[in-house]
Amino acid sequence: GSDEDIYTERNKLGELLVPKILGAIDGDLDNTVFSFIPNTAEVAYFGMLEGLESHFNRQKAALLFEKGNRLNQEEIERILSKRVRSEKVAI
């Protein structure tokens, strides 16, 4: 699986899984850790993470917009520091 087209396809596959994954976890990215067992699914896993990060960034932007100037520096930093949690499982 080193062909560029296959890489792009697998990456997109992971990204396309994001809506179903978010539904399965009720959108709770704060209490969810994503992982995978290394194999050829790794590219799809990274595509999924990219899609989740994009979703999370849109959520953060909406929250910042909604709260506007009612947030202090610490609250803004807390919102911006949130990341999708992921781990690589070694077997």
C-alpha atoms as a PDB file:
ATOM      1  CA  GLY A   1       0.000   0.000   0.000  1.00  0.00           C
ATOM      2  CA  SER A   2       2.617   2.643  -0.860  1.00  0.00           C
ATOM      3  CA  ASP A   3       0.919   3.918  -4.000  1.00  0.00           C
ATOM      4  CA  GLU A   4      -0.078   7.601  -3.673  1.00  0.00           C
ATOM      5  CA  ASP A   5      -3.653   6.954  -4.831  1.00  0.00           C
ATOM      6  CA  ILE A   6      -4.113   4.213  -2.239  1.00  0.00           C
ATOM      7  CA  TYR A   7      -2.693   6.501   0.457  1.00  0.00           C
ATOM      8  CA  THR A   8      -5.088   9.302  -0.522  1.00  0.00           C
ATOM      9  CA  GLU A   9      -8.034   6.900  -0.635  1.00  0.00           C
ATOM     10  CA  ARG A  10      -7.294   5.433   2.803  1.00  0.00           C
ATOM     11  CA  ASN A  11      -6.755   8.874   4.301  1.00  0.00           C
ATOM     12  CA  LYS A  12     -10.124   9.996   2.923  1.00  0.00           C
ATOM     13  CA  LEU A  13     -11.761   6.813   4.241  1.00  0.00           C
ATOM     14  CA  GLY A  14     -10.699   7.734   7.769  1.00  0.00           C
ATOM     15  CA  GLU A  15     -12.015  11.262   7.333  1.00  0.00           C
ATOM     16  CA  LEU A  16     -15.353   9.967   6.023  1.00  0.00           C
ATOM     17  CA  LEU A  17     -15.795   7.885   9.194  1.00  0.00           C
ATOM     18  CA  VAL A  18     -15.866  11.010  11.396  1.00  0.00           C
ATOM     19  CA  PRO A  19     -19.650  11.643  11.384  1.00  0.00           C
ATOM     20  CA  LYS A  20     -20.415   8.029  12.400  1.00  0.00           C
ATOM     21  CA  ILE A  21     -17.691   8.076  15.045  1.00  0.00           C
ATOM     22  CA  LEU A  22     -18.973  11.339  16.508  1.00  0.00           C
ATOM     23  CA  GLY A  23     -22.464   9.831  16.648  1.00  0.00           C
ATOM     24  CA  ALA A  24     -21.171   6.696  18.379  1.00  0.00           C
ATOM     25  CA  ILE A  25     -19.475   8.751  21.110  1.00  0.00           C
ATOM     26  CA  ASP A  26     -22.282  11.327  21.338  1.00  0.00           C
ATOM     27  CA  GLY A  27     -19.778  13.995  20.276  1.00  0.00           C
ATOM     28  CA  ASP A  28     -17.834  13.590  23.549  1.00  0.00           C
ATOM     29  CA  LEU A  29     -14.287  14.274  22.354  1.00  0.00           C
ATOM     30  CA  ASP A  30     -13.182  15.363  25.840  1.00  0.00           C
ATOM     31  CA  ASN A  31     -13.618  11.856  27.277  1.00  0.00           C
ATOM     32  CA  THR A  32     -12.637   9.762  24.266  1.00  0.00           C
ATOM     33  CA  VAL A  33      -9.205   8.399  23.335  1.00  0.00           C
ATOM     34  CA  PHE A  34      -8.750   7.100  19.790  1.00  0.00           C
ATOM     35  CA  SER A  35      -6.319   4.305  19.054  1.00  0.00           C
ATOM     36  CA  PHE A  36      -5.411   1.666  16.501  1.00  0.00           C
ATOM     37  CA  ILE A  37      -3.259  -1.401  16.160  1.00  0.00           C
ATOM     38  CA  PRO A  38      -0.563  -0.640  13.555  1.00  0.00           C
ATOM     39  CA  ASN A  39      -1.122  -2.157  10.120  1.00  0.00           C
ATOM     40  CA  THR A  40      -2.279  -0.833   6.768  1.00  0.00           C
ATOM     41  CA  ALA A  41      -5.196   0.929   8.519  1.00  0.00           C
ATOM     42  CA  GLU A  42      -2.734   3.499   9.870  1.00  0.00           C
ATOM     43  CA  VAL A  43      -3.306   5.882   6.961  1.00  0.00           C
ATOM     44  CA  ALA A  44      -7.094   5.738   7.462  1.00  0.00           C
ATOM     45  CA  TYR A  45      -6.527   6.321  11.191  1.00  0.00           C
ATOM     46  CA  PHE A  46      -4.573   9.503  10.475  1.00  0.00           C
ATOM     47  CA  GLY A  47      -7.259  10.647   8.040  1.00  0.00           C
ATOM     48  CA  MET A  48      -9.823  10.068  10.785  1.00  0.00           C
ATOM     49  CA  LEU A  49      -7.745  12.121  13.234  1.00  0.00           C
ATOM     50  CA  GLU A  50      -7.480  14.970  10.715  1.00  0.00           C
ATOM     51  CA  GLY A  51     -11.248  14.928  10.268  1.00  0.00           C
ATOM     52  CA  LEU A  52     -11.807  14.882  14.037  1.00  0.00           C
ATOM     53  CA  GLU A  53      -9.382  17.791  14.524  1.00  0.00           C
ATOM     54  CA  SER A  54     -11.236  19.793  11.865  1.00  0.00           C
ATOM     55  CA  HIS A  55     -14.540  19.070  13.602  1.00  0.00           C
ATOM     56  CA  PHE A  56     -13.080  19.977  17.012  1.00  0.00           C
ATOM     57  CA  ASN A  57     -11.635  23.233  15.618  1.00  0.00           C
ATOM     58  CA  ARG A  58     -15.047  24.205  14.229  1.00  0.00           C
ATOM     59  CA  GLN A  59     -16.559  23.493  17.667  1.00  0.00           C
ATOM     60  CA  LYS A  60     -13.918  25.652  19.370  1.00  0.00           C
ATOM     61  CA  ALA A  61     -14.436  28.498  16.895  1.00  0.00           C
ATOM     62  CA  ALA A  62     -18.216  28.378  17.416  1.00  0.00           C
ATOM     63  CA  LEU A  63     -17.773  28.468  21.194  1.00  0.00           C
ATOM     64  CA  LEU A  64     -15.359  31.408  21.013  1.00  0.00           C
ATOM     65  CA  PHE A  65     -17.731  33.255  18.684  1.00  0.00           C
ATOM     66  CA  GLU A  66     -20.715  32.517  20.930  1.00  0.00           C
ATOM     67  CA  LYS A  67     -18.971  33.661  24.126  1.00  0.00           C
ATOM     68  CA  GLY A  68     -17.323  36.666  22.464  1.00  0.00           C
ATOM     69  CA  ASN A  69     -15.733  39.146  24.834  1.00  0.00           C
ATOM     70  CA  ARG A  70     -17.175  37.417  27.920  1.00  0.00           C
ATOM     71  CA  LEU A  71     -14.175  35.081  28.059  1.00  0.00           C
ATOM     72  CA  ASN A  72     -11.013  35.848  29.978  1.00  0.00           C
ATOM     73  CA  GLN A  73      -7.509  34.869  28.813  1.00  0.00           C
ATOM     74  CA  GLU A  74      -7.493  31.633  30.839  1.00  0.00           C
ATOM     75  CA  GLU A  75     -10.835  30.487  29.387  1.00  0.00           C
ATOM     76  CA  ILE A  76      -9.688  31.219  25.837  1.00  0.00           C
ATOM     77  CA  GLU A  77      -6.446  29.283  26.385  1.00  0.00           C
ATOM     78  CA  ARG A  78      -8.396  26.340  27.852  1.00  0.00           C
ATOM     79  CA  ILE A  79     -10.675  26.207  24.803  1.00  0.00           C
ATOM     80  CA  LEU A  80      -7.809  26.516  22.309  1.00  0.00           C
ATOM     81  CA  SER A  81      -5.664  23.885  24.055  1.00  0.00           C
ATOM     82  CA  LYS A  82      -8.211  21.088  23.623  1.00  0.00           C
ATOM     83  CA  ARG A  83      -7.049  18.347  21.267  1.00  0.00           C
ATOM     84  CA  VAL A  84      -8.330  15.003  20.055  1.00  0.00           C
ATOM     85  CA  ARG A  85      -6.728  12.376  22.280  1.00  0.00           C
ATOM     86  CA  SER A  86      -5.028   9.500  20.485  1.00  0.00           C
ATOM     87  CA  GLU A  87      -2.604   6.698  21.282  1.00  0.00           C
ATOM     88  CA  LYS A  88      -0.764   4.146  19.192  1.00  0.00           C
ATOM     89  CA  VAL A  89      -1.177   0.635  20.624  1.00  0.00           C
ATOM     90  CA  ALA A  90       1.955  -1.494  20.510  1.00  0.00           C
ATOM     91  CA  ILE A  91       1.452  -5.249  20.420  1.00  0.00           C
END
